Amino acid sequence: MYGIPRSHEEAPAAVAHSAAAEGTVARIERLAVHDGPGIRTVVFLKGCPLRCSWCSSPETQRSEPELLLDRSRCLLCGACLTACPAGAIGRTENGEIQTDRSLCDGCGQCALTCPSGARRVVGQTVTAAQVLSEIEKDEVFYYRSGGGVTISGGEPLEQPAFTLDIAAACAARGIHTAMETSACAPWDRLDPLLDFLDLVFVDVKHMDEAAHRKATGTGNRIILENVRKLAKDRRKREVILRVPVIPGINDTEKNMEATADFARDLAAVKRLELLPYHRYGIHRYEQTGRSCGTEAVMVPTEAKLQRLASIVRTRGIPVQIGG
């Protein structure tokens, strides 16, 4: 049952793990309810091998700390000009503050001096033990709700040792542990984690290799192969496939039929979740100094989502709209 601590006999390797690895965390979200059962703490890591045009968290794509700039809050006071040791910030002829991101190393000195909070750095290097100390503050909610911890990103498999230490430390405490992943990584990064994970969410963004590469910057062969291996693995962790539904990119009936046929052959898959595209993250592209590839894309209609769900359902696969 979710939330019931494992015994030490069930997870001896987890008990022995050091939780000493360092990694870069984008943020830790408390009291989350959409990324696994019960009330959860979600640890968002930095770094991702994909460049999905619809990504709602572009600030997690790069592995290093990154400056976010909210121009609507800038007072033009100039405090950041002298604070930047790299000389990346200047003032234009019309008095605006301009940041040269090719010079910015994400040190955060400008954010420390900004009186309005217009500048902030996403990404902090910490140890797994420090992450666990934050997780422990919420343990009472896990046991009462059947919740736990979800490691997300970015892509957790971009920081395999750090992710392994977090998962092992949670397993040692009997905390239900899930991971959200694109599975776009060598199998030897995912394999050791299965000793400590209770649930794995895998994004399946497109079944066509060429279309997947066009939309994300990389192919899908390693992803699909890893899902097959995951479904056959002797440790039998629960697997949930997630499909982000992006109008004009992967929302065709043909693609959903192919996705459902793929999932039908994998007995370990508990269900398929359709995650409708949303526009909540568009403003973050401007804050990172990058352009959004799906700014003109609208959210899918309820009728469209229901039609895609029915395709999955007719193949005998449990399906859910939303996470």
Protein backbone atom coordinates (compact mmCIF):
# COMPACT_ATOMS: atom_id res chain seq x y z
CA MET A 1 0.00 0.00 0.00
CA TYR A 2 1.21 3.51 -0.75
CA GLY A 3 2.80 5.33 2.15
CA ILE A 4 3.57 2.26 4.22
CA PRO A 5 7.31 2.19 5.06
CA ARG A 6 9.37 -0.61 3.58
CA SER A 7 11.30 -2.79 5.97
CA HIS A 8 15.10 -2.66 6.04
CA GLU A 9 15.11 -6.20 4.68
CA GLU A 10 13.18 -5.03 1.61
CA ALA A 11 15.64 -2.24 0.77
CA PRO A 12 19.08 -3.07 2.23
CA ALA A 13 20.95 -1.17 -0.48
CA ALA A 14 18.90 1.93 0.22
CA VAL A 15 19.76 1.86 3.91
CA ALA A 16 23.45 1.70 3.12
CA HIS A 17 23.38 4.53 0.59
CA SER A 18 25.25 7.70 1.54
CA ALA A 19 23.02 10.43 0.05
CA ALA A 20 26.25 12.37 -0.50
CA ALA A 21 26.07 13.08 -4.24
CA GLU A 22 25.66 16.67 -5.33
CA GLY A 23 23.23 17.89 -7.97
CA THR A 24 21.47 20.97 -9.26
CA VAL A 25 17.88 21.50 -8.15
CA ALA A 26 15.58 23.96 -9.90
CA ARG A 27 12.95 24.00 -7.15
CA ILE A 28 11.13 21.85 -4.62
CA GLU A 29 7.34 21.95 -4.71
CA ARG A 30 5.38 20.99 -1.61
CA LEU A 31 1.85 19.64 -1.23
CA ALA A 32 1.59 18.55 -4.87
CA VAL A 33 -1.30 16.27 -5.85
CA HIS A 34 -0.82 15.62 -9.59
CA ASP A 35 2.47 13.73 -9.75
CA GLY A 36 1.65 10.45 -8.02
CA PRO A 37 -0.69 9.18 -5.31
CA GLY A 38 -1.52 11.29 -2.26
CA ILE A 39 0.17 14.49 -1.17
CA ARG A 40 3.69 14.71 -2.55
CA THR A 41 6.90 16.67 -2.53
CA VAL A 42 8.19 17.15 -6.09
CA VAL A 43 11.91 17.73 -6.60
CA PHE A 44 12.58 19.41 -9.95
CA LEU A 45 16.11 18.87 -11.22
CA LYS A 46 17.99 20.91 -13.83
CA GLY A 47 19.06 19.59 -17.22
CA CYS A 48 17.23 17.84 -20.06
CA PRO A 49 18.43 16.24 -23.34
CA LEU A 50 15.20 17.22 -25.12
CA ARG A 51 14.12 20.61 -26.42
CA CYS A 52 10.38 20.16 -26.68
CA SER A 53 8.81 23.13 -28.41
CA TRP A 54 5.92 23.14 -25.90
CA CYS A 55 8.00 22.77 -22.72
CA SER A 56 6.31 24.57 -19.83
CA SER A 57 9.53 24.71 -17.77
CA PRO A 58 12.25 25.98 -20.11
CA GLU A 59 14.26 27.11 -17.10
CA THR A 60 14.93 23.44 -16.28
CA GLN A 61 16.36 22.54 -19.71
CA ARG A 62 19.92 23.73 -19.12
CA SER A 63 21.96 21.93 -16.48
CA GLU A 64 23.62 25.01 -15.01
CA PRO A 65 22.03 27.75 -12.85
CA GLU A 66 20.21 30.25 -15.04
CA LEU A 67 19.03 33.85 -14.68
CA LEU A 68 15.32 34.60 -14.99
CA LEU A 69 14.45 38.22 -15.71
CA ASP A 70 10.92 39.57 -15.27
CA ARG A 71 11.08 42.89 -17.12
CA SER A 72 7.66 43.94 -15.85
CA ARG A 73 9.10 44.22 -12.33
CA CYS A 74 12.31 46.04 -13.27
CA LEU A 75 12.57 49.52 -11.68
CA LEU A 76 15.48 50.57 -13.94
CA CYS A 77 17.34 51.48 -10.75
CA GLY A 78 20.66 50.16 -12.02
CA ALA A 79 21.65 48.28 -8.86
CA CYS A 80 22.45 45.23 -10.98
CA LEU A 81 24.93 47.13 -13.16
CA THR A 82 27.66 47.29 -10.56
CA ALA A 83 26.72 43.97 -8.96
CA CYS A 84 27.52 41.84 -12.04
CA PRO A 85 31.16 40.63 -11.87
CA ALA A 86 31.05 39.44 -15.49
CA GLY A 87 30.04 42.81 -16.90
CA ALA A 88 27.02 41.22 -18.56
CA ILE A 89 24.58 44.01 -17.66
CA GLY A 90 24.49 47.45 -19.25
CA ARG A 91 22.17 50.36 -19.90
CA THR A 92 21.01 51.24 -23.40
CA GLU A 93 20.84 54.77 -24.82
CA ASN A 94 17.16 55.01 -23.95
CA GLY A 95 17.83 54.03 -20.33
CA GLU A 96 16.71 50.39 -20.43
CA ILE A 97 18.66 47.67 -18.64
CA GLN A 98 20.07 45.04 -20.98
CA THR A 99 21.63 41.67 -20.10
CA ASP A 100 24.10 39.91 -22.38
CA ARG A 101 23.31 36.26 -21.67
CA SER A 102 26.42 35.10 -23.51
CA LEU A 103 28.43 36.67 -20.68
CA CYS A 104 26.09 35.76 -17.80
CA ASP A 105 27.29 32.74 -15.77
CA GLY A 106 24.26 32.60 -13.46
CA CYS A 107 26.22 33.64 -10.36
CA GLY A 108 23.17 35.44 -8.94
CA GLN A 109 24.86 38.59 -7.70
CA CYS A 110 22.45 40.77 -9.66
CA ALA A 111 19.49 38.94 -8.12
CA LEU A 112 20.82 39.54 -4.63
CA THR A 113 20.91 43.29 -5.21
CA CYS A 114 17.66 43.65 -7.16
CA PRO A 115 15.18 45.47 -4.87
CA SER A 116 12.06 44.47 -6.84
CA GLY A 117 12.76 40.77 -7.35
CA ALA A 118 12.85 41.20 -11.12
CA ARG A 119 15.95 39.00 -11.24
CA ARG A 120 16.28 35.53 -9.79
CA VAL A 121 18.49 32.53 -10.45
CA VAL A 122 17.00 29.07 -10.98
CA GLY A 123 19.32 26.25 -9.98
CA GLN A 124 21.09 25.54 -6.73
CA THR A 125 23.80 22.95 -6.15
CA VAL A 126 22.99 20.84 -3.09
CA THR A 127 23.60 17.34 -1.75
CA ALA A 128 20.99 14.61 -1.71
CA ALA A 129 21.17 14.78 2.09
CA GLN A 130 20.11 18.43 1.96
CA VAL A 131 17.19 17.53 -0.30
CA LEU A 132 16.20 14.78 2.13
CA SER A 133 16.17 17.25 5.01
CA GLU A 134 13.55 19.25 3.09
CA ILE A 135 11.58 16.10 2.24
CA GLU A 136 11.49 15.03 5.89
CA LYS A 137 9.52 18.16 6.80
CA ASP A 138 6.56 16.78 4.86
CA GLU A 139 6.65 13.13 5.96
CA VAL A 140 3.52 13.44 8.09
CA PHE A 141 1.52 14.29 4.97
CA TYR A 142 2.80 11.21 3.12
CA TYR A 143 1.67 8.71 5.70
CA ARG A 144 -1.73 10.29 6.19
CA SER A 145 -2.50 10.64 2.48
CA GLY A 146 -0.59 7.72 0.97
CA GLY A 147 1.74 10.20 -0.72
CA GLY A 148 5.47 10.52 -1.06
CA VAL A 149 8.21 12.04 -3.20
CA THR A 150 8.39 12.52 -6.97
CA ILE A 151 11.70 13.28 -8.67
CA SER A 152 11.10 15.33 -11.79
CA GLY A 153 12.83 17.84 -14.03
CA GLY A 154 14.16 18.69 -16.47
CA GLU A 155 15.24 15.10 -16.71
CA PRO A 156 16.35 13.20 -13.57
CA LEU A 157 18.46 10.80 -15.67
CA GLU A 158 20.72 13.72 -16.61
CA GLN A 159 21.87 13.60 -12.98
CA PRO A 160 21.85 9.83 -12.37
CA ALA A 161 24.05 9.65 -9.24
CA PHE A 162 22.17 12.49 -7.56
CA THR A 163 18.79 11.01 -8.47
CA LEU A 164 19.89 7.60 -7.22
CA ASP A 165 20.97 9.04 -3.87
CA ILE A 166 17.64 10.83 -3.39
CA ALA A 167 15.62 7.74 -4.32
CA ALA A 168 17.73 5.47 -2.12
CA ALA A 169 17.47 7.81 0.85
CA CYS A 170 13.69 7.97 0.45
CA ALA A 171 13.47 4.17 0.18
CA ALA A 172 15.49 3.82 3.38
CA ARG A 173 12.85 5.90 5.17
CA GLY A 174 9.97 3.94 3.63
CA ILE A 175 8.78 6.89 1.55
CA HIS A 176 6.84 6.08 -1.60
CA THR A 177 9.06 7.34 -4.43
CA ALA A 178 8.17 8.13 -8.04
CA MET A 179 10.11 9.55 -10.95
CA GLU A 180 8.99 11.49 -14.01
CA THR A 181 11.25 10.85 -16.99
CA SER A 182 11.48 11.04 -20.76
CA ALA A 183 13.57 7.82 -20.62
CA CYS A 184 15.90 9.45 -23.13
CA ALA A 185 19.10 8.11 -21.60
CA PRO A 186 21.23 4.95 -21.57
CA TRP A 187 19.52 2.05 -19.78
CA ASP A 188 22.37 1.81 -17.26
CA ARG A 189 21.22 5.13 -15.79
CA LEU A 190 17.66 3.93 -15.26
CA ASP A 191 18.36 0.34 -14.22
CA PRO A 192 19.89 1.02 -10.74
CA LEU A 193 17.02 3.33 -9.84
CA LEU A 194 14.44 0.57 -10.15
CA ASP A 195 15.63 -0.90 -6.85
CA PHE A 196 14.26 2.20 -5.11
CA LEU A 197 11.34 3.47 -7.19
CA ASP A 198 7.72 2.48 -6.62
CA LEU A 199 6.32 4.26 -9.67
CA VAL A 200 7.76 5.52 -12.96
CA PHE A 201 6.02 8.07 -15.17
CA VAL A 202 7.36 8.00 -18.74
CA ASP A 203 6.53 10.64 -21.33
CA VAL A 204 5.76 9.23 -24.76
CA LYS A 205 5.62 12.34 -26.90
CA HIS A 206 5.32 10.89 -30.41
CA MET A 207 5.50 7.41 -31.91
CA ASP A 208 6.96 8.53 -35.24
CA GLU A 209 10.76 8.82 -35.17
CA ALA A 210 11.02 11.75 -37.59
CA ALA A 211 8.15 13.68 -36.01
CA HIS A 212 9.62 13.11 -32.56
CA ARG A 213 12.98 14.44 -33.67
CA LYS A 214 11.40 17.52 -35.26
CA ALA A 215 9.38 18.33 -32.12
CA THR A 216 11.99 17.55 -29.46
CA GLY A 217 15.38 17.69 -31.13
CA THR A 218 16.06 13.98 -30.74
CA GLY A 219 14.68 10.63 -31.86
CA ASN A 220 12.50 8.24 -29.87
CA ARG A 221 14.17 4.86 -30.39
CA ILE A 222 16.05 4.79 -27.09
CA ILE A 223 12.90 6.00 -25.31
CA LEU A 224 10.66 3.25 -26.65
CA GLU A 225 13.32 0.60 -26.05
CA ASN A 226 13.72 1.73 -22.44
CA VAL A 227 9.96 1.59 -21.91
CA ARG A 228 9.94 -2.00 -23.19
CA LYS A 229 12.78 -2.94 -20.86
CA LEU A 230 11.08 -1.18 -17.97
CA ALA A 231 7.85 -3.06 -18.58
CA LYS A 232 9.67 -6.42 -18.59
CA ASP A 233 11.93 -5.70 -15.62
CA ARG A 234 11.75 -8.30 -12.85
CA ARG A 235 11.33 -5.62 -10.17
CA LYS A 236 7.89 -4.79 -11.59
CA ARG A 237 7.60 -1.15 -10.59
CA GLU A 238 4.35 0.49 -11.63
CA VAL A 239 4.61 2.27 -14.97
CA ILE A 240 2.33 5.07 -16.18
CA LEU A 241 2.73 6.44 -19.69
CA ARG A 242 2.04 10.13 -20.16
CA VAL A 243 1.25 11.73 -23.51
CA PRO A 244 1.33 15.53 -23.68
CA VAL A 245 -1.43 16.40 -26.16
CA ILE A 246 -0.09 19.22 -28.33
CA PRO A 247 -2.41 20.44 -31.13
CA GLY A 248 -0.75 20.28 -34.51
CA ILE A 249 2.17 18.19 -33.25
CA ASN A 250 1.02 14.85 -31.81
CA ASP A 251 -2.76 15.03 -31.43
CA THR A 252 -3.71 13.00 -34.50
CA GLU A 253 -5.81 9.89 -34.15
CA LYS A 254 -3.12 7.95 -36.02
CA ASN A 255 -0.48 8.84 -33.44
CA MET A 256 -2.82 8.00 -30.55
CA GLU A 257 -3.66 4.65 -32.13
CA ALA A 258 0.06 3.87 -32.44
CA THR A 259 0.66 4.95 -28.85
CA ALA A 260 -2.21 2.82 -27.55
CA ASP A 261 -1.03 -0.20 -29.56
CA PHE A 262 2.44 0.23 -28.08
CA ALA A 263 1.07 0.44 -24.53
CA ARG A 264 -1.25 -2.54 -25.04
CA ASP A 265 1.72 -4.86 -25.46
CA LEU A 266 3.24 -3.78 -22.12
CA ALA A 267 1.54 -5.59 -19.25
CA ALA A 268 3.30 -3.48 -16.62
CA VAL A 269 1.67 -0.25 -17.82
CA LYS A 270 -0.98 0.69 -15.27
CA ARG A 271 -2.64 3.39 -17.38
CA LEU A 272 -2.08 6.04 -20.00
CA GLU A 273 -2.51 9.69 -19.08
CA LEU A 274 -3.34 12.40 -21.62
CA LEU A 275 -1.87 15.72 -20.48
CA PRO A 276 -3.51 18.61 -22.38
CA TYR A 277 -1.20 21.38 -23.55
CA HIS A 278 -1.42 24.53 -21.45
CA ARG A 279 0.01 28.01 -21.85
CA TYR A 280 1.09 28.63 -18.25
CA GLY A 281 4.81 28.50 -19.01
CA ILE A 282 4.93 30.86 -21.99
CA HIS A 283 6.10 33.85 -19.92
CA ARG A 284 9.12 31.85 -18.72
CA TYR A 285 10.59 31.83 -22.22
CA GLU A 286 10.87 35.60 -22.20
CA GLN A 287 12.36 35.44 -18.71
CA THR A 288 15.08 33.07 -19.95
CA GLY A 289 15.76 35.14 -23.07
CA ARG A 290 14.47 32.41 -25.42
CA SER A 291 11.54 32.25 -27.80
CA CYS A 292 8.58 29.90 -27.35
CA GLY A 293 7.93 27.51 -30.23
CA THR A 294 4.22 27.02 -29.48
CA GLU A 295 3.10 30.55 -28.63
CA ALA A 296 0.34 30.38 -31.26
CA VAL A 297 -0.86 26.91 -30.23
CA MET A 298 -4.18 26.82 -28.39
CA VAL A 299 -5.19 24.28 -25.75
CA PRO A 300 -6.93 21.12 -27.04
CA THR A 301 -10.71 21.03 -26.78
CA GLU A 302 -12.51 18.71 -24.40
CA ALA A 303 -14.12 16.98 -27.37
CA LYS A 304 -10.67 16.29 -28.86
CA LEU A 305 -9.34 14.90 -25.59
CA GLN A 306 -12.37 12.65 -25.16
CA ARG A 307 -11.99 11.34 -28.71
CA LEU A 308 -8.31 10.49 -28.13
CA ALA A 309 -9.18 8.88 -24.80
CA SER A 310 -11.79 6.70 -26.47
CA ILE A 311 -9.15 5.40 -28.91
CA VAL A 312 -7.05 4.25 -25.96
CA ARG A 313 -10.03 2.85 -24.10
CA THR A 314 -11.21 0.70 -27.02
CA ARG A 315 -7.86 -1.11 -26.83
CA GLY A 316 -8.53 -2.11 -23.23
CA ILE A 317 -6.07 0.34 -21.68
CA PRO A 318 -7.13 2.45 -18.67
CA VAL A 319 -6.87 6.11 -19.64
CA GLN A 320 -7.07 9.35 -17.74
CA ILE A 321 -7.24 12.95 -18.93
CA GLY A 322 -4.84 14.97 -16.83
CA GLY A 323 -2.21 13.84 -14.34
